């Protein structure tokens, strides 16, 4: 059944060419701003210069070095800086990982508990430093949601937290900032966006026609433009459509009133924590195996997916489902993201992930149907 829901999204999206110049309209004058970024690519592609020029007249401090899969240890150094400098606003300049890190930094800087990791273990966040973003890598949807994922190197953990206090006040999306992205990051972002959509779509039918059609349109758009983006990285129209698709895939709108899964992401986070695979790579590996493992529970939506997204109408139900999964794998591969663990040199040691998930009482999927044992079976299919 189409469930009751409450939906509110307070994030202002400022989309298009030259929109970084609008920062003074978005951050109150006189605010001390912490500019946070990743490995420094923004200083090579001109984005940093645009941000600095736009913030002329503001009191700013900087923190660089937030990693892909932002590390708790790194973020805590930024928390100390934010507290020391008494910043009133944090601007994330980069991809979803930078923004995820900034969300944690903003919450941790005002968190009353001594152990800030408690935020990632479910402690309630009551306040956060206001934050915004200049997005340079479309993938996570973090620019328009209240979620953050942070990794802890010391314990090999990768955890998420959610709080309305870390919704960005605004996110600037200028597709031109994505032109210089490495093809690997672009491909990973395409897979991440597609996987976000699948997590909210392939469960079971509830007659949520608008959500289904919106999700299907996102996936069909990605299938159409994904390989073209890699072939034509400076095509504004392709980059713009990809950027908006990534935002719409995880700003909450396609997930209202429908069951969701998220087991693939949970298992994928473990592959990142243990083996260091990119987030997008883990999703490309796990999702096809999970769909095969859960074929009966997901049969209705898999058949709808085969029909509406891949336009498969001939053959038996099982043949259409398998073909749809094969085409999904081929799509991931077409954007440069392999779909087997062996492609990444992971041939041994995956059993440790089932052990780790057992200790944390892992339960994802619809109604928590995918537990540690099922996750282990799925991973065995990923070799």
Protein backbone atom coordinates (compact mmCIF):
# COMPACT_ATOMS: atom_id res chain seq x y z
CA UNK A 1 0.00 0.00 0.00
CA UNK A 2 1.10 3.57 -0.71
CA UNK A 3 2.10 4.70 2.81
CA UNK A 4 1.39 7.98 4.59
CA UNK A 5 4.30 10.39 4.50
CA UNK A 6 5.50 13.82 5.53
CA UNK A 7 7.97 15.48 3.19
CA UNK A 8 9.85 18.73 3.64
CA UNK A 9 13.08 19.79 2.01
CA UNK A 10 14.44 23.20 3.00
CA UNK A 11 17.52 23.25 0.74
CA UNK A 12 17.77 26.09 -1.75
CA UNK A 13 19.28 24.87 -5.03
CA UNK A 14 21.12 27.46 -7.13
CA UNK A 15 21.74 25.77 -10.48
CA UNK A 16 23.69 26.79 -13.56
CA UNK A 17 26.71 28.51 -15.05
CA UNK A 18 28.40 31.21 -13.02
CA UNK A 19 26.34 30.66 -9.90
CA UNK A 20 29.32 30.53 -7.52
CA UNK A 21 29.30 34.33 -7.78
CA UNK A 22 25.98 34.30 -5.90
CA UNK A 23 27.61 33.25 -2.60
CA UNK A 24 27.31 36.76 -1.07
CA UNK A 25 23.54 36.56 -1.60
CA UNK A 26 23.41 33.28 0.30
CA UNK A 27 25.75 33.73 3.29
CA UNK A 28 24.89 36.59 5.67
CA UNK A 29 27.37 39.45 5.60
CA UNK A 30 29.74 39.55 8.56
CA UNK A 31 29.69 35.77 9.02
CA UNK A 32 33.00 34.02 9.64
CA UNK A 33 33.22 31.21 7.09
CA UNK A 34 35.16 27.97 7.20
CA UNK A 35 35.88 26.81 3.63
CA UNK A 36 36.32 23.04 3.58
CA UNK A 37 37.51 21.03 0.60
CA UNK A 38 39.21 17.79 -0.41
CA UNK A 39 42.56 17.00 -1.99
CA UNK A 40 43.08 20.33 -3.70
CA UNK A 41 41.64 19.73 -7.16
CA UNK A 42 39.51 22.86 -6.73
CA UNK A 43 42.72 24.88 -6.81
CA UNK A 44 43.59 23.43 -10.22
CA UNK A 45 40.24 23.76 -11.96
CA UNK A 46 39.45 27.34 -10.99
CA UNK A 47 36.66 26.61 -8.51
CA UNK A 48 38.70 27.73 -5.51
CA UNK A 49 39.50 31.06 -7.17
CA UNK A 50 35.81 31.62 -7.91
CA UNK A 51 34.87 30.90 -4.29
CA UNK A 52 37.57 33.17 -2.88
CA UNK A 53 36.57 35.98 -5.23
CA UNK A 54 32.91 35.62 -4.30
CA UNK A 55 33.72 35.69 -0.58
CA UNK A 56 35.91 38.78 -0.75
CA UNK A 57 35.12 40.86 2.29
CA UNK A 58 34.24 37.85 4.45
CA UNK A 59 36.46 36.63 7.29
CA UNK A 60 37.43 33.12 6.16
CA UNK A 61 39.52 30.19 7.33
CA UNK A 62 40.28 27.05 5.35
CA UNK A 63 40.49 23.33 5.95
CA UNK A 64 41.64 21.02 3.17
CA UNK A 65 42.28 17.32 2.89
CA UNK A 66 38.85 15.76 3.46
CA UNK A 67 39.13 12.34 1.84
CA UNK A 68 36.80 10.39 -0.40
CA UNK A 69 34.88 8.45 2.25
CA UNK A 70 35.66 11.21 4.78
CA UNK A 71 37.57 10.01 7.80
CA UNK A 72 36.48 10.73 11.33
CA UNK A 73 40.05 11.46 12.33
CA UNK A 74 40.39 14.15 9.66
CA UNK A 75 37.00 15.63 10.42
CA UNK A 76 37.86 15.94 14.08
CA UNK A 77 40.79 18.20 13.21
CA UNK A 78 38.33 20.41 11.35
CA UNK A 79 36.01 20.36 14.37
CA UNK A 80 38.84 21.71 16.51
CA UNK A 81 39.52 24.46 13.96
CA UNK A 82 35.84 25.42 13.74
CA UNK A 83 35.61 25.66 17.52
CA UNK A 84 38.86 27.57 17.87
CA UNK A 85 37.96 30.09 15.17
CA UNK A 86 34.31 30.37 16.27
CA UNK A 87 33.08 30.09 12.71
CA UNK A 88 29.46 30.90 11.98
CA UNK A 89 29.13 29.07 8.66
CA UNK A 90 30.84 26.14 6.92
CA UNK A 91 31.06 26.03 3.13
CA UNK A 92 31.75 22.61 1.58
CA UNK A 93 33.48 22.95 -1.78
CA UNK A 94 33.78 19.59 -3.50
CA UNK A 95 31.91 16.36 -3.92
CA UNK A 96 29.57 14.44 -1.68
CA UNK A 97 32.38 13.20 0.54
CA UNK A 98 33.44 16.74 1.39
CA UNK A 99 29.84 17.64 2.11
CA UNK A 100 29.31 14.51 4.23
CA UNK A 101 32.40 15.43 6.20
CA UNK A 102 31.20 19.01 6.64
CA UNK A 103 27.82 17.81 7.93
CA UNK A 104 29.59 15.81 10.60
CA UNK A 105 31.94 18.71 11.40
CA UNK A 106 28.99 21.11 11.73
CA UNK A 107 27.16 18.76 14.09
CA UNK A 108 30.20 17.67 16.09
CA UNK A 109 31.40 21.24 16.70
CA UNK A 110 28.25 21.93 18.75
CA UNK A 111 27.68 18.40 20.10
CA UNK A 112 27.64 18.37 23.88
CA UNK A 113 28.98 14.84 24.30
CA UNK A 114 32.71 14.33 24.68
CA UNK A 115 32.85 11.41 22.23
CA UNK A 116 31.77 12.83 18.86
CA UNK A 117 31.60 9.35 17.31
CA UNK A 118 28.38 8.90 19.25
CA UNK A 119 26.74 10.98 16.50
CA UNK A 120 27.46 8.12 14.10
CA UNK A 121 26.09 5.63 16.61
CA UNK A 122 22.69 7.26 16.84
CA UNK A 123 23.06 10.03 19.42
CA UNK A 124 20.58 12.82 18.78
CA UNK A 125 21.91 15.93 17.07
CA UNK A 126 20.22 19.00 18.53
CA UNK A 127 22.11 21.71 16.67
CA UNK A 128 24.77 22.29 14.03
CA UNK A 129 26.73 25.14 12.53
CA UNK A 130 24.88 26.35 9.40
CA UNK A 131 26.41 24.97 6.22
CA UNK A 132 26.17 25.20 2.46
CA UNK A 133 27.87 23.67 -0.54
CA UNK A 134 29.45 24.32 -3.89
CA UNK A 135 29.12 20.91 -5.50
CA UNK A 136 31.79 19.66 -7.91
CA UNK A 137 30.95 15.93 -8.13
CA UNK A 138 27.37 14.73 -8.67
CA UNK A 139 26.80 11.38 -6.99
CA UNK A 140 25.64 11.24 -3.39
CA UNK A 141 22.70 13.65 -3.32
CA UNK A 142 24.18 14.98 -0.08
CA UNK A 143 23.68 18.51 -1.42
CA UNK A 144 19.92 18.21 -0.86
CA UNK A 145 19.46 15.79 2.03
CA UNK A 146 20.06 15.36 5.74
CA UNK A 147 22.39 12.34 5.54
CA UNK A 148 26.12 11.95 6.14
CA UNK A 149 28.46 8.96 5.98
CA UNK A 150 31.80 8.98 7.78
CA UNK A 151 34.53 6.33 8.07
CA UNK A 152 36.74 5.65 11.07
CA UNK A 153 40.20 4.42 10.13
CA UNK A 154 41.06 3.17 13.63
CA UNK A 155 38.18 0.70 13.80
CA UNK A 156 37.48 0.15 10.07
CA UNK A 157 33.90 1.38 10.48
CA UNK A 158 31.75 3.30 8.03
CA UNK A 159 28.61 4.75 9.58
CA UNK A 160 25.81 7.12 8.63
CA UNK A 161 23.80 9.65 10.58
CA UNK A 162 20.72 11.68 9.71
CA UNK A 163 19.59 14.99 11.14
CA UNK A 164 17.43 17.86 9.89
CA UNK A 165 20.00 20.19 11.46
CA UNK A 166 22.54 19.32 8.72
CA UNK A 167 20.39 20.10 5.71
CA UNK A 168 22.49 22.58 3.70
CA UNK A 169 21.07 26.09 3.69
CA UNK A 170 21.86 26.12 -0.01
CA UNK A 171 23.75 24.16 -2.63
CA UNK A 172 25.29 25.72 -5.70
CA UNK A 173 25.29 23.34 -8.68
CA UNK A 174 27.33 24.64 -11.61
CA UNK A 175 27.81 21.82 -14.14
CA UNK A 176 30.97 23.47 -15.47
CA UNK A 177 32.74 22.65 -12.20
CA UNK A 178 32.50 18.95 -13.11
CA UNK A 179 34.31 19.14 -16.47
CA UNK A 180 37.72 18.30 -15.02
CA UNK A 181 36.63 15.29 -12.98
CA UNK A 182 38.65 12.11 -13.58
CA UNK A 183 36.65 9.56 -15.59
CA UNK A 184 36.83 7.14 -12.65
CA UNK A 185 35.05 9.60 -10.37
CA UNK A 186 32.47 10.42 -13.02
CA UNK A 187 31.72 6.73 -13.58
CA UNK A 188 31.48 6.06 -9.86
CA UNK A 189 29.07 8.96 -9.53
CA UNK A 190 26.84 7.63 -12.27
CA UNK A 191 26.70 4.21 -10.59
CA UNK A 192 26.05 5.79 -7.20
CA UNK A 193 23.13 7.79 -8.58
CA UNK A 194 21.67 4.73 -10.31
CA UNK A 195 22.06 2.65 -7.14
CA UNK A 196 20.35 5.29 -5.01
CA UNK A 197 17.40 5.06 -7.36
CA UNK A 198 17.32 1.26 -7.29
CA UNK A 199 17.38 1.19 -3.48
CA UNK A 200 14.10 3.12 -3.43
CA UNK A 201 12.55 1.41 -6.45
CA UNK A 202 13.17 -2.34 -6.57
CA UNK A 203 11.31 -3.52 -3.50
CA UNK A 204 7.67 -4.47 -4.07
CA UNK A 205 4.76 -2.70 -5.81
CA UNK A 206 2.63 -0.29 -3.77
CA UNK A 207 0.98 1.59 -6.65
CA UNK A 208 3.07 4.73 -6.08
CA UNK A 209 2.86 5.73 -9.70
CA UNK A 210 4.54 9.14 -9.50
CA UNK A 211 7.52 7.84 -7.51
CA UNK A 212 7.93 4.87 -9.85
CA UNK A 213 7.82 6.97 -13.01
CA UNK A 214 10.20 9.55 -11.56
CA UNK A 215 12.66 6.81 -10.54
CA UNK A 216 12.38 5.17 -13.96
CA UNK A 217 13.03 8.49 -15.68
CA UNK A 218 16.21 8.99 -13.64
CA UNK A 219 17.48 5.53 -14.56
CA UNK A 220 16.61 5.84 -18.25
CA UNK A 221 18.32 9.23 -18.36
CA UNK A 222 21.48 7.79 -16.81
CA UNK A 223 21.48 4.86 -19.24
CA UNK A 224 21.16 7.30 -22.15
CA UNK A 225 23.71 9.88 -21.09
CA UNK A 226 26.13 7.98 -18.83
CA UNK A 227 28.54 6.68 -21.49
CA UNK A 228 28.18 9.95 -23.44
CA UNK A 229 29.40 11.96 -20.43
CA UNK A 230 32.60 9.92 -20.36
CA UNK A 231 33.07 10.44 -24.11
CA UNK A 232 32.24 14.18 -23.98
CA UNK A 233 33.23 15.40 -20.50
CA UNK A 234 32.92 19.09 -21.45
CA UNK A 235 29.38 18.85 -22.82
CA UNK A 236 27.36 21.24 -20.66
CA UNK A 237 23.98 19.67 -21.37
CA UNK A 238 25.16 16.16 -20.48
CA UNK A 239 26.85 17.37 -17.30
CA UNK A 240 23.80 19.41 -16.30
CA UNK A 241 21.45 16.47 -16.72
CA UNK A 242 23.77 14.19 -14.78
CA UNK A 243 24.14 16.71 -11.97
CA UNK A 244 20.39 17.17 -11.57
CA UNK A 245 19.76 13.42 -11.82
CA UNK A 246 22.14 12.80 -8.92
CA UNK A 247 20.37 15.39 -6.78
CA UNK A 248 16.88 14.09 -7.59
CA UNK A 249 17.90 10.50 -6.89
CA UNK A 250 18.46 11.19 -3.20
CA UNK A 251 16.65 14.36 -2.18
CA UNK A 252 13.86 12.21 -0.73
CA UNK A 253 11.17 12.78 -3.32
CA UNK A 254 11.26 9.37 -5.06
CA UNK A 255 11.27 7.60 -1.70
CA UNK A 256 8.17 9.08 -0.10
CA UNK A 257 5.41 6.61 0.63
CA UNK A 258 7.32 3.60 -0.72
CA UNK A 259 9.32 0.76 0.90
CA UNK A 260 13.09 1.07 0.61
CA UNK A 261 15.97 -1.40 0.78
CA UNK A 262 19.52 -0.02 1.34
CA UNK A 263 21.11 -3.44 1.91
CA UNK A 264 23.44 -2.90 -1.05
CA UNK A 265 24.76 0.28 0.52
CA UNK A 266 25.19 -1.40 3.90
CA UNK A 267 27.19 -4.27 2.41
CA UNK A 268 29.08 -1.87 0.17
CA UNK A 269 30.16 0.24 3.12
CA UNK A 270 31.81 -2.87 4.57
CA UNK A 271 33.69 -3.52 1.32
CA UNK A 272 35.01 0.03 1.46
CA UNK A 273 35.96 -0.24 5.14
CA UNK A 274 37.74 -3.59 4.79
CA UNK A 275 39.17 -3.55 1.25
CA UNK A 276 39.25 0.17 0.38
CA UNK A 277 37.05 -0.05 -2.72
CA UNK A 278 35.47 3.16 -3.98
CA UNK A 279 31.85 3.54 -2.92
CA UNK A 280 30.58 3.39 -6.50
CA UNK A 281 32.64 0.27 -7.15
CA UNK A 282 31.06 -1.55 -4.22
CA UNK A 283 27.58 -0.75 -5.48
CA UNK A 284 28.36 -2.02 -8.98
CA UNK A 285 29.61 -5.27 -7.45
CA UNK A 286 26.88 -5.89 -4.91
CA UNK A 287 23.67 -4.75 -6.61
CA UNK A 288 23.46 -7.36 -9.41
CA UNK A 289 24.21 -10.17 -6.94
CA UNK A 290 21.64 -8.86 -4.46
CA UNK A 291 18.96 -8.67 -7.15
CA UNK A 292 19.61 -12.29 -8.11
CA UNK A 293 19.61 -13.39 -4.48
CA UNK A 294 16.36 -11.55 -3.77
CA UNK A 295 14.67 -12.39 -7.08
CA UNK A 296 11.55 -13.91 -5.54
CA UNK A 297 10.97 -11.17 -2.96
CA UNK A 298 11.50 -8.49 -5.62
CA UNK A 299 9.85 -10.30 -8.55
CA UNK A 300 7.05 -7.79 -9.13
CA UNK A 301 9.33 -4.75 -9.26
CA UNK A 302 12.05 -6.61 -11.18
CA UNK A 303 9.51 -7.39 -13.90
CA UNK A 304 8.39 -3.75 -13.92
CA UNK A 305 12.04 -2.68 -14.10
CA UNK A 306 12.66 -5.06 -17.02
CA UNK A 307 9.62 -3.73 -18.86
CA UNK A 308 9.75 0.02 -18.22
CA UNK A 309 13.49 0.68 -17.96
CA UNK A 310 14.95 -1.95 -20.29
CA UNK A 311 11.85 -2.47 -22.48
CA UNK A 312 12.03 -6.27 -22.20
CA UNK A 313 8.74 -7.95 -23.08
CA UNK A 314 9.66 -11.30 -24.63
CA UNK A 315 10.52 -14.54 -22.88
CA UNK A 316 9.55 -15.98 -19.51
CA UNK A 317 9.49 -13.94 -16.30
CA UNK A 318 12.76 -15.44 -15.13
CA UNK A 319 14.40 -14.76 -18.49
CA UNK A 320 13.30 -11.12 -18.44
CA UNK A 321 14.52 -10.65 -14.88
CA UNK A 322 17.93 -12.18 -15.61
CA UNK A 323 18.30 -10.12 -18.78
CA UNK A 324 17.46 -6.92 -16.91
CA UNK A 325 20.15 -7.72 -14.33
CA UNK A 326 22.66 -8.52 -17.08
CA UNK A 327 21.89 -5.21 -18.80
CA UNK A 328 22.35 -3.41 -15.47
CA UNK A 329 25.80 -4.98 -15.15
CA UNK A 330 26.63 -3.99 -18.73
CA UNK A 331 25.55 -0.42 -18.01
CA UNK A 332 27.84 -0.19 -14.97
CA UNK A 333 30.69 -1.57 -17.07
CA UNK A 334 29.91 0.91 -19.86
CA UNK A 335 30.74 3.79 -17.50
CA UNK A 336 33.99 2.17 -16.47
CA UNK A 337 32.96 0.44 -13.25
CA UNK A 338 33.57 -3.35 -13.16
CA UNK A 339 31.05 -5.60 -11.41
CA UNK A 340 33.04 -8.44 -9.81
CA UNK A 341 35.25 -8.44 -6.73
CA UNK A 342 37.98 -10.20 -8.70
CA UNK A 343 38.12 -7.15 -10.99
CA UNK A 344 39.47 -5.24 -7.99
CA UNK A 345 41.88 -7.93 -6.85
CA UNK A 346 39.64 -9.09 -3.99
CA UNK A 347 39.78 -12.88 -4.08
CA UNK A 348 40.03 -13.84 -0.42
CA UNK A 349 38.88 -12.61 2.98
CA UNK A 350 35.29 -11.61 2.22
CA UNK A 351 34.09 -13.93 4.97
CA UNK A 352 35.23 -11.36 7.49
CA UNK A 353 32.42 -9.07 6.37
CA UNK A 354 29.73 -11.55 7.41
CA UNK A 355 31.46 -11.80 10.78
CA UNK A 356 31.51 -8.02 11.15
CA UNK A 357 27.86 -7.72 10.19
CA UNK A 358 26.91 -10.44 12.66
CA UNK A 359 28.48 -8.43 15.47
CA UNK A 360 26.49 -5.32 14.53
CA UNK A 361 23.19 -7.20 14.08
CA UNK A 362 22.99 -6.10 10.47
CA UNK A 363 19.41 -6.04 9.14
CA UNK A 364 18.69 -4.21 5.91
CA UNK A 365 16.42 -4.77 2.97
CA UNK A 366 12.64 -4.63 3.08
CA UNK A 367 11.52 -5.36 6.66
CA UNK A 368 15.14 -6.19 7.60
CA UNK A 369 15.09 -9.39 5.57
CA UNK A 370 18.78 -9.22 4.62
CA UNK A 371 20.87 -10.05 7.66
CA UNK A 372 24.51 -11.04 8.04
CA UNK A 373 23.95 -14.58 6.71
CA UNK A 374 22.19 -13.30 3.57
CA UNK A 375 24.86 -10.64 3.11
CA UNK A 376 27.49 -13.38 3.18
CA UNK A 377 25.59 -15.34 0.53
CA UNK A 378 25.32 -12.24 -1.64
CA UNK A 379 29.02 -11.51 -1.33
CA UNK A 380 29.84 -15.09 -2.32
CA UNK A 381 27.99 -14.37 -5.58
CA UNK A 382 30.18 -11.30 -6.22
CA UNK A 383 33.45 -13.09 -6.74
